[in-house]
Amino acid sequence: SSHIVDGKTTEEIEKIATKRATIRVAQNIVHKLKEAYLSKSNRIKQKITNEMFIQMTQPIYDSLMNVDRLGIYINPNNEEVFALVRARGF
């Protein structure tokens, strides 16, 4: 995940980038859940709307445990910050 430095301290930058990367992990989990739900082999009859999948992102983000920041990279050309994280469970 990424964002722009914009005069922030290194600590602020790393915290924001890590949070954004963790949110991206939650979004990827929701995407996988949605793919499984929409698969032809799924026999669940309950209708789940796209909005319901979007609403799942925050609770999954809140439940992510043991998130490790694996790296931070700042693009020197445009000060865009990228973070790579790994979540061990949720």
PDB file of N, CA and C in Angstrom:
ATOM      1  N   SER A   1       0.852  -1.179   0.000  1.00  0.00           N
ATOM      2  CA  SER A   1       0.000   0.000   0.000  1.00  0.00           C
ATOM      3  C   SER A   1       0.891   1.232   0.000  1.00  0.00           C
ATOM      4  N   SER A   2       0.338   2.361  -0.376  1.00  0.00           N
ATOM      5  CA  SER A   2       1.187   3.538  -0.501  1.00  0.00           C
ATOM      6  C   SER A   2       0.464   4.814  -0.101  1.00  0.00           C
ATOM      7  N   HIS A   3       1.221   5.837   0.215  1.00  0.00           N
ATOM      8  CA  HIS A   3       0.727   7.200   0.383  1.00  0.00           C
ATOM      9  C   HIS A   3       1.897   8.159   0.210  1.00  0.00           C
ATOM     10  N   ILE A   4       1.611   9.446   0.197  1.00  0.00           N
ATOM     11  CA  ILE A   4       2.633  10.469  -0.049  1.00  0.00           C
ATOM     12  C   ILE A   4       3.177  11.008   1.270  1.00  0.00           C
ATOM     13  N   VAL A   5       4.495  11.241   1.352  1.00  0.00           N
ATOM     14  CA  VAL A   5       5.168  11.699   2.566  1.00  0.00           C
ATOM     15  C   VAL A   5       4.612  13.037   3.042  1.00  0.00           C
ATOM     16  N   ASP A   6       4.628  14.067   2.194  1.00  0.00           N
ATOM     17  CA  ASP A   6       4.030  15.373   2.477  1.00  0.00           C
ATOM     18  C   ASP A   6       4.464  15.979   3.805  1.00  0.00           C
ATOM     19  N   GLY A   7       5.762  15.991   4.097  1.00  0.00           N
ATOM     20  CA  GLY A   7       6.303  16.666   5.273  1.00  0.00           C
ATOM     21  C   GLY A   7       6.116  15.960   6.602  1.00  0.00           C
ATOM     22  N   LYS A   8       5.666  14.729   6.611  1.00  0.00           N
ATOM     23  CA  LYS A   8       5.458  13.999   7.863  1.00  0.00           C
ATOM     24  C   LYS A   8       6.775  13.420   8.379  1.00  0.00           C
ATOM     25  N   THR A   9       6.821  13.109   9.688  1.00  0.00           N
ATOM     26  CA  THR A   9       8.004  12.473  10.263  1.00  0.00           C
ATOM     27  C   THR A   9       8.088  11.029   9.787  1.00  0.00           C
ATOM     28  N   THR A  10       9.260  10.450   9.894  1.00  0.00           N
ATOM     29  CA  THR A  10       9.457   9.061   9.486  1.00  0.00           C
ATOM     30  C   THR A  10       8.527   8.127  10.254  1.00  0.00           C
ATOM     31  N   GLU A  11       8.375   8.367  11.552  1.00  0.00           N
ATOM     32  CA  GLU A  11       7.500   7.518  12.373  1.00  0.00           C
ATOM     33  C   GLU A  11       6.051   7.596  11.888  1.00  0.00           C
ATOM     34  N   GLU A  12       5.579   8.802  11.583  1.00  0.00           N
ATOM     35  CA  GLU A  12       4.208   8.968  11.083  1.00  0.00           C
ATOM     36  C   GLU A  12       4.035   8.269   9.741  1.00  0.00           C
ATOM     37  N   ILE A  13       5.022   8.425   8.889  1.00  0.00           N
ATOM     38  CA  ILE A  13       4.977   7.818   7.559  1.00  0.00           C
ATOM     39  C   ILE A  13       4.874   6.301   7.670  1.00  0.00           C
ATOM     40  N   GLU A  14       5.726   5.707   8.496  1.00  0.00           N
ATOM     41  CA  GLU A  14       5.728   4.255   8.645  1.00  0.00           C
ATOM     42  C   GLU A  14       4.421   3.760   9.247  1.00  0.00           C
ATOM     43  N   LYS A  15       3.874   4.495  10.207  1.00  0.00           N
ATOM     44  CA  LYS A  15       2.615   4.099  10.848  1.00  0.00           C
ATOM     45  C   LYS A  15       1.462   4.133   9.841  1.00  0.00           C
ATOM     46  N   ILE A  16       1.380   5.215   9.071  1.00  0.00           N
ATOM     47  CA  ILE A  16       0.312   5.346   8.078  1.00  0.00           C
ATOM     48  C   ILE A  16       0.449   4.283   6.993  1.00  0.00           C
ATOM     49  N   ALA A  17       1.653   4.086   6.493  1.00  0.00           N
ATOM     50  CA  ALA A  17       1.873   3.101   5.430  1.00  0.00           C
ATOM     51  C   ALA A  17       1.552   1.695   5.912  1.00  0.00           C
ATOM     52  N   THR A  18       1.907   1.383   7.152  1.00  0.00           N
ATOM     53  CA  THR A  18       1.614   0.061   7.710  1.00  0.00           C
ATOM     54  C   THR A  18       0.108  -0.132   7.856  1.00  0.00           C
ATOM     55  N   LYS A  19      -0.589   0.896   8.323  1.00  0.00           N
ATOM     56  CA  LYS A  19      -2.048   0.801   8.466  1.00  0.00           C
ATOM     57  C   LYS A  19      -2.700   0.595   7.105  1.00  0.00           C
ATOM     58  N   ARG A  20      -2.274   1.359   6.112  1.00  0.00           N
ATOM     59  CA  ARG A  20      -2.855   1.222   4.773  1.00  0.00           C
ATOM     60  C   ARG A  20      -2.585  -0.165   4.187  1.00  0.00           C
ATOM     61  N   ALA A  21      -1.404  -0.695   4.412  1.00  0.00           N
ATOM     62  CA  ALA A  21      -1.085  -2.035   3.918  1.00  0.00           C
ATOM     63  C   ALA A  21      -1.929  -3.085   4.636  1.00  0.00           C
ATOM     64  N   THR A  22      -2.181  -2.887   5.933  1.00  0.00           N
ATOM     65  CA  THR A  22      -3.004  -3.822   6.701  1.00  0.00           C
ATOM     66  C   THR A  22      -4.450  -3.777   6.212  1.00  0.00           C
ATOM     67  N   ILE A  23      -4.940  -2.589   5.902  1.00  0.00           N
ATOM     68  CA  ILE A  23      -6.286  -2.469   5.327  1.00  0.00           C
ATOM     69  C   ILE A  23      -6.352  -3.223   4.009  1.00  0.00           C
ATOM     70  N   ARG A  24      -5.294  -3.144   3.236  1.00  0.00           N
ATOM     71  CA  ARG A  24      -5.248  -3.862   1.950  1.00  0.00           C
ATOM     72  C   ARG A  24      -5.315  -5.376   2.160  1.00  0.00           C
ATOM     73  N   VAL A  25      -4.686  -5.870   3.220  1.00  0.00           N
ATOM     74  CA  VAL A  25      -4.784  -7.300   3.549  1.00  0.00           C
ATOM     75  C   VAL A  25      -6.244  -7.654   3.815  1.00  0.00           C
ATOM     76  N   ALA A  26      -6.937  -6.835   4.603  1.00  0.00           N
ATOM     77  CA  ALA A  26      -8.352  -7.077   4.906  1.00  0.00           C
ATOM     78  C   ALA A  26      -9.186  -7.061   3.620  1.00  0.00           C
ATOM     79  N   GLN A  27      -8.905  -6.124   2.734  1.00  0.00           N
ATOM     80  CA  GLN A  27      -9.632  -6.058   1.467  1.00  0.00           C
ATOM     81  C   GLN A  27      -9.390  -7.305   0.624  1.00  0.00           C
ATOM     82  N   ASN A  28      -8.172  -7.818   0.641  1.00  0.00           N
ATOM     83  CA  ASN A  28      -7.871  -9.042  -0.106  1.00  0.00           C
ATOM     84  C   ASN A  28      -8.606 -10.243   0.473  1.00  0.00           C
ATOM     85  N   ILE A  29      -8.726 -10.311   1.800  1.00  0.00           N
ATOM     86  CA  ILE A  29      -9.471 -11.402   2.435  1.00  0.00           C
ATOM     87  C   ILE A  29     -10.936 -11.335   2.014  1.00  0.00           C
ATOM     88  N   VAL A  30     -11.522 -10.134   2.052  1.00  0.00           N
ATOM     89  CA  VAL A  30     -12.919  -9.962   1.637  1.00  0.00           C
ATOM     90  C   VAL A  30     -13.083 -10.359   0.170  1.00  0.00           C
ATOM     91  N   HIS A  31     -12.134  -9.992  -0.667  1.00  0.00           N
ATOM     92  CA  HIS A  31     -12.197 -10.361  -2.085  1.00  0.00           C
ATOM     93  C   HIS A  31     -12.224 -11.884  -2.251  1.00  0.00           C
ATOM     94  N   LYS A  32     -11.391 -12.583  -1.487  1.00  0.00           N
ATOM     95  CA  LYS A  32     -11.366 -14.052  -1.562  1.00  0.00           C
ATOM     96  C   LYS A  32     -12.691 -14.644  -1.076  1.00  0.00           C
ATOM     97  N   LEU A  33     -13.262 -14.062  -0.003  1.00  0.00           N
ATOM     98  CA  LEU A  33     -14.567 -14.521   0.484  1.00  0.00           C
ATOM     99  C   LEU A  33     -15.640 -14.322  -0.584  1.00  0.00           C
ATOM    100  N   LYS A  34     -15.598 -13.178  -1.234  1.00  0.00           N
ATOM    101  CA  LYS A  34     -16.581 -12.879  -2.276  1.00  0.00           C
ATOM    102  C   LYS A  34     -16.435 -13.852  -3.446  1.00  0.00           C
ATOM    103  N   GLU A  35     -15.205 -14.133  -3.849  1.00  0.00           N
ATOM    104  CA  GLU A  35     -14.978 -15.094  -4.932  1.00  0.00           C
ATOM    105  C   GLU A  35     -15.538 -16.463  -4.574  1.00  0.00           C
ATOM    106  N   ALA A  36     -15.309 -16.895  -3.328  1.00  0.00           N
ATOM    107  CA  ALA A  36     -15.812 -18.199  -2.888  1.00  0.00           C
ATOM    108  C   ALA A  36     -17.337 -18.204  -2.871  1.00  0.00           C
ATOM    109  N   TYR A  37     -17.938 -17.114  -2.410  1.00  0.00           N
ATOM    110  CA  TYR A  37     -19.395 -17.020  -2.350  1.00  0.00           C
ATOM    111  C   TYR A  37     -20.003 -17.061  -3.745  1.00  0.00           C
ATOM    112  N   LEU A  38     -19.365 -16.389  -4.689  1.00  0.00           N
ATOM    113  CA  LEU A  38     -19.905 -16.306  -6.041  1.00  0.00           C
ATOM    114  C   LEU A  38     -19.585 -17.528  -6.902  1.00  0.00           C
ATOM    115  N   SER A  39     -18.755 -18.428  -6.392  1.00  0.00           N
ATOM    116  CA  SER A  39     -18.388 -19.608  -7.180  1.00  0.00           C
ATOM    117  C   SER A  39     -19.612 -20.497  -7.403  1.00  0.00           C
ATOM    118  N   LYS A  40     -19.589 -21.228  -8.483  1.00  0.00           N
ATOM    119  CA  LYS A  40     -20.722 -22.086  -8.830  1.00  0.00           C
ATOM    120  C   LYS A  40     -20.914 -23.227  -7.841  1.00  0.00           C
ATOM    121  N   SER A  41     -19.857 -23.606  -7.141  1.00  0.00           N
ATOM    122  CA  SER A  41     -19.961 -24.728  -6.207  1.00  0.00           C
ATOM    123  C   SER A  41     -20.555 -24.320  -4.861  1.00  0.00           C
ATOM    124  N   ASN A  42     -20.740 -23.024  -4.632  1.00  0.00           N
ATOM    125  CA  ASN A  42     -21.300 -22.544  -3.373  1.00  0.00           C
ATOM    126  C   ASN A  42     -22.798 -22.830  -3.341  1.00  0.00           C
ATOM    127  N   ARG A  43     -23.256 -23.469  -2.275  1.00  0.00           N
ATOM    128  CA  ARG A  43     -24.662 -23.829  -2.175  1.00  0.00           C
ATOM    129  C   ARG A  43     -25.424 -22.957  -1.172  1.00  0.00           C
ATOM    130  N   ILE A  44     -24.807 -21.886  -0.677  1.00  0.00           N
ATOM    131  CA  ILE A  44     -25.481 -20.991   0.265  1.00  0.00           C
ATOM    132  C   ILE A  44     -26.594 -20.250  -0.471  1.00  0.00           C
ATOM    133  N   LYS A  45     -27.794 -20.287   0.106  1.00  0.00           N
ATOM    134  CA  LYS A  45     -28.944 -19.662  -0.550  1.00  0.00           C
ATOM    135  C   LYS A  45     -29.133 -18.195  -0.154  1.00  0.00           C
ATOM    136  N   GLN A  46     -28.552 -17.777   0.974  1.00  0.00           N
ATOM    137  CA  GLN A  46     -28.728 -16.407   1.452  1.00  0.00           C
ATOM    138  C   GLN A  46     -28.080 -15.418   0.484  1.00  0.00           C
ATOM    139  N   LYS A  47     -28.795 -14.343   0.196  1.00  0.00           N
ATOM    140  CA  LYS A  47     -28.262 -13.313  -0.695  1.00  0.00           C
ATOM    141  C   LYS A  47     -27.333 -12.393   0.088  1.00  0.00           C
ATOM    142  N   ILE A  48     -26.139 -12.202  -0.418  1.00  0.00           N
ATOM    143  CA  ILE A  48     -25.191 -11.259   0.167  1.00  0.00           C
ATOM    144  C   ILE A  48     -24.908 -10.217  -0.906  1.00  0.00           C
ATOM    145  N   THR A  49     -25.175  -8.971  -0.574  1.00  0.00           N
ATOM    146  CA  THR A  49     -24.986  -7.892  -1.546  1.00  0.00           C
ATOM    147  C   THR A  49     -23.530  -7.429  -1.554  1.00  0.00           C
ATOM    148  N   ASN A  50     -23.176  -6.698  -2.588  1.00  0.00           N
ATOM    149  CA  ASN A  50     -21.830  -6.139  -2.691  1.00  0.00           C
ATOM    150  C   ASN A  50     -21.544  -5.222  -1.502  1.00  0.00           C
ATOM    151  N   GLU A  51     -22.557  -4.462  -1.069  1.00  0.00           N
ATOM    152  CA  GLU A  51     -22.403  -3.565   0.079  1.00  0.00           C
ATOM    153  C   GLU A  51     -22.057  -4.359   1.340  1.00  0.00           C
ATOM    154  N   MET A  52     -22.630  -5.535   1.500  1.00  0.00           N
ATOM    155  CA  MET A  52     -22.329  -6.370   2.670  1.00  0.00           C
ATOM    156  C   MET A  52     -20.864  -6.802   2.652  1.00  0.00           C
ATOM    157  N   PHE A  53     -20.352  -7.119   1.475  1.00  0.00           N
ATOM    158  CA  PHE A  53     -18.938  -7.486   1.380  1.00  0.00           C
ATOM    159  C   PHE A  53     -18.052  -6.299   1.748  1.00  0.00           C
ATOM    160  N   ILE A  54     -18.425  -5.105   1.292  1.00  0.00           N
ATOM    161  CA  ILE A  54     -17.656  -3.902   1.627  1.00  0.00           C
ATOM    162  C   ILE A  54     -17.655  -3.683   3.136  1.00  0.00           C
ATOM    163  N   GLN A  55     -18.801  -3.912   3.784  1.00  0.00           N
ATOM    164  CA  GLN A  55     -18.911  -3.730   5.229  1.00  0.00           C
ATOM    165  C   GLN A  55     -18.083  -4.753   6.010  1.00  0.00           C
ATOM    166  N   MET A  56     -17.717  -5.857   5.396  1.00  0.00           N
ATOM    167  CA  MET A  56     -16.901  -6.880   6.063  1.00  0.00           C
ATOM    168  C   MET A  56     -15.452  -6.423   6.253  1.00  0.00           C
ATOM    169  N   THR A  57     -14.988  -5.480   5.460  1.00  0.00           N
ATOM    170  CA  THR A  57     -13.582  -5.082   5.483  1.00  0.00           C
ATOM    171  C   THR A  57     -13.142  -4.571   6.847  1.00  0.00           C
ATOM    172  N   GLN A  58     -13.903  -3.668   7.463  1.00  0.00           N
ATOM    173  CA  GLN A  58     -13.501  -3.086   8.751  1.00  0.00           C
ATOM    174  C   GLN A  58     -13.425  -4.131   9.862  1.00  0.00           C
ATOM    175  N   PRO A  59     -14.440  -5.000  10.035  1.00  0.00           N
ATOM    176  CA  PRO A  59     -14.306  -6.022  11.087  1.00  0.00           C
ATOM    177  C   PRO A  59     -13.121  -6.963  10.858  1.00  0.00           C
ATOM    178  N   ILE A  60     -12.849  -7.307   9.610  1.00  0.00           N
ATOM    179  CA  ILE A  60     -11.696  -8.169   9.330  1.00  0.00           C
ATOM    180  C   ILE A  60     -10.409  -7.415   9.642  1.00  0.00           C
ATOM    181  N   TYR A  61     -10.325  -6.144   9.249  1.00  0.00           N
ATOM    182  CA  TYR A  61      -9.157  -5.321   9.579  1.00  0.00           C
ATOM    183  C   TYR A  61      -8.955  -5.280  11.095  1.00  0.00           C
ATOM    184  N   ASP A  62     -10.042  -5.048  11.841  1.00  0.00           N
ATOM    185  CA  ASP A  62      -9.962  -4.966  13.304  1.00  0.00           C
ATOM    186  C   ASP A  62      -9.503  -6.275  13.934  1.00  0.00           C
ATOM    187  N   SER A  63      -9.782  -7.393  13.262  1.00  0.00           N
ATOM    188  CA  SER A  63      -9.446  -8.692  13.849  1.00  0.00           C
ATOM    189  C   SER A  63      -8.073  -9.223  13.436  1.00  0.00           C
ATOM    190  N   LEU A  64      -7.395  -8.544  12.518  1.00  0.00           N
ATOM    191  CA  LEU A  64      -6.078  -9.029  12.093  1.00  0.00           C
ATOM    192  C   LEU A  64      -5.115  -9.032  13.273  1.00  0.00           C
ATOM    193  N   MET A  65      -4.428 -10.160  13.453  1.00  0.00           N
ATOM    194  CA  MET A  65      -3.509 -10.318  14.578  1.00  0.00           C
ATOM    195  C   MET A  65      -2.092 -10.533  14.072  1.00  0.00           C
ATOM    196  N   ASN A  66      -1.139 -10.128  14.881  1.00  0.00           N
ATOM    197  CA  ASN A  66       0.277 -10.350  14.575  1.00  0.00           C
ATOM    198  C   ASN A  66       0.651  -9.846  13.182  1.00  0.00           C
ATOM    199  N   VAL A  67       0.391  -8.567  12.947  1.00  0.00           N
ATOM    200  CA  VAL A  67       0.754  -7.963  11.669  1.00  0.00           C
ATOM    201  C   VAL A  67       2.211  -7.520  11.750  1.00  0.00           C
ATOM    202  N   ASP A  68       3.018  -8.070  10.873  1.00  0.00           N
ATOM    203  CA  ASP A  68       4.439  -7.727  10.823  1.00  0.00           C
ATOM    204  C   ASP A  68       4.688  -6.844   9.608  1.00  0.00           C
ATOM    205  N   ARG A  69       5.371  -5.724   9.827  1.00  0.00           N
ATOM    206  CA  ARG A  69       5.775  -4.897   8.691  1.00  0.00           C
ATOM    207  C   ARG A  69       7.066  -5.491   8.150  1.00  0.00           C
ATOM    208  N   LEU A  70       7.033  -5.922   6.903  1.00  0.00           N
ATOM    209  CA  LEU A  70       8.188  -6.580   6.298  1.00  0.00           C
ATOM    210  C   LEU A  70       9.139  -5.588   5.643  1.00  0.00           C
ATOM    211  N   GLY A  71       8.619  -4.429   5.285  1.00  0.00           N
ATOM    212  CA  GLY A  71       9.490  -3.454   4.651  1.00  0.00           C
ATOM    213  C   GLY A  71       8.783  -2.159   4.339  1.00  0.00           C
ATOM    214  N   ILE A  72       9.570  -1.101   4.213  1.00  0.00           N
ATOM    215  CA  ILE A  72       9.090   0.231   3.834  1.00  0.00           C
ATOM    216  C   ILE A  72       9.989   0.721   2.706  1.00  0.00           C
ATOM    217  N   TYR A  73       9.388   1.292   1.686  1.00  0.00           N
ATOM    218  CA  TYR A  73      10.158   1.872   0.586  1.00  0.00           C
ATOM    219  C   TYR A  73       9.584   3.250   0.274  1.00  0.00           C
ATOM    220  N   ILE A  74      10.421   4.254   0.188  1.00  0.00           N
ATOM    221  CA  ILE A  74       9.999   5.600  -0.198  1.00  0.00           C
ATOM    222  C   ILE A  74      10.586   5.900  -1.570  1.00  0.00           C
ATOM    223  N   ASN A  75       9.720   6.140  -2.523  1.00  0.00           N
ATOM    224  CA  ASN A  75      10.150   6.489  -3.869  1.00  0.00           C
ATOM    225  C   ASN A  75      10.748   7.899  -3.833  1.00  0.00           C
ATOM    226  N   PRO A  76      12.035   8.057  -4.114  1.00  0.00           N
ATOM    227  CA  PRO A  76      12.676   9.374  -4.022  1.00  0.00           C
ATOM    228  C   PRO A  76      12.176  10.369  -5.067  1.00  0.00           C
ATOM    229  N   ASN A  77      11.556   9.887  -6.120  1.00  0.00           N
ATOM    230  CA  ASN A  77      11.087  10.775  -7.188  1.00  0.00           C
ATOM    231  C   ASN A  77       9.811  11.526  -6.818  1.00  0.00           C
ATOM    232  N   ASN A  78       8.906  10.858  -6.099  1.00  0.00           N
ATOM    233  CA  ASN A  78       7.630  11.500  -5.786  1.00  0.00           C
ATOM    234  C   ASN A  78       7.231  11.357  -4.313  1.00  0.00           C
ATOM    235  N   GLU A  79       8.116  10.851  -3.485  1.00  0.00           N
ATOM    236  CA  GLU A  79       7.899  10.670  -2.046  1.00  0.00           C
ATOM    237  C   GLU A  79       6.714   9.765  -1.727  1.00  0.00           C
ATOM    238  N   GLU A  80       6.357   8.872  -2.632  1.00  0.00           N
ATOM    239  CA  GLU A  80       5.304   7.907  -2.358  1.00  0.00           C
ATOM    240  C   GLU A  80       5.888   6.806  -1.481  1.00  0.00           C
ATOM    241  N   VAL A  81       5.130   6.402  -0.458  1.00  0.00           N
ATOM    242  CA  VAL A  81       5.606   5.416   0.513  1.00  0.00           C
ATOM    243  C   VAL A  81       4.859   4.103   0.311  1.00  0.00           C
ATOM    244  N   PHE A  82       5.602   3.005   0.276  1.00  0.00           N
ATOM    245  CA  PHE A  82       5.021   1.674   0.142  1.00  0.00           C
ATOM    246  C   PHE A  82       5.397   0.855   1.371  1.00  0.00           C
ATOM    247  N   ALA A  83       4.450   0.086   1.884  1.00  0.00           N
ATOM    248  CA  ALA A  83       4.728  -0.818   3.001  1.00  0.00           C
ATOM    249  C   ALA A  83       4.283  -2.216   2.604  1.00  0.00           C
ATOM    250  N   LEU A  84       5.020  -3.198   3.060  1.00  0.00           N
ATOM    251  CA  LEU A  84       4.673  -4.597   2.856  1.00  0.00           C
ATOM    252  C   LEU A  84       4.454  -5.203   4.233  1.00  0.00           C
ATOM    253  N   VAL A  85       3.280  -5.811   4.445  1.00  0.00           N
ATOM    254  CA  VAL A  85       2.968  -6.407   5.746  1.00  0.00           C
ATOM    255  C   VAL A  85       2.520  -7.853   5.574  1.00  0.00           C
ATOM    256  N   ARG A  86       2.608  -8.589   6.681  1.00  0.00           N
ATOM    257  CA  ARG A  86       2.118  -9.969   6.720  1.00  0.00           C
ATOM    258  C   ARG A  86       1.275 -10.116   7.983  1.00  0.00           C
ATOM    259  N   ALA A  87       0.075 -10.658   7.830  1.00  0.00           N
ATOM    260  CA  ALA A  87      -0.788 -10.933   8.980  1.00  0.00           C
ATOM    261  C   ALA A  87      -0.784 -12.438   9.210  1.00  0.00           C
ATOM    262  N   ARG A  88      -0.547 -12.842  10.444  1.00  0.00           N
ATOM    263  CA  ARG A  88      -0.448 -14.274  10.751  1.00  0.00           C
ATOM    264  C   ARG A  88      -1.784 -14.913  11.083  1.00  0.00           C
ATOM    265  N   GLY A  89      -2.808 -14.112  11.282  1.00  0.00           N
ATOM    266  CA  GLY A  89      -4.121 -14.676  11.572  1.00  0.00           C
ATOM    267  C   GLY A  89      -5.162 -13.591  11.712  1.00  0.00           C
ATOM    268  N   PHE A  90      -6.429 -14.017  11.719  1.00  0.00           N
ATOM    269  CA  PHE A  90      -7.520 -13.075  11.971  1.00  0.00           C
ATOM    270  C   PHE A  90      -8.690 -13.795  12.579  1.00  0.00           C
TER     271      PHE A  90
END
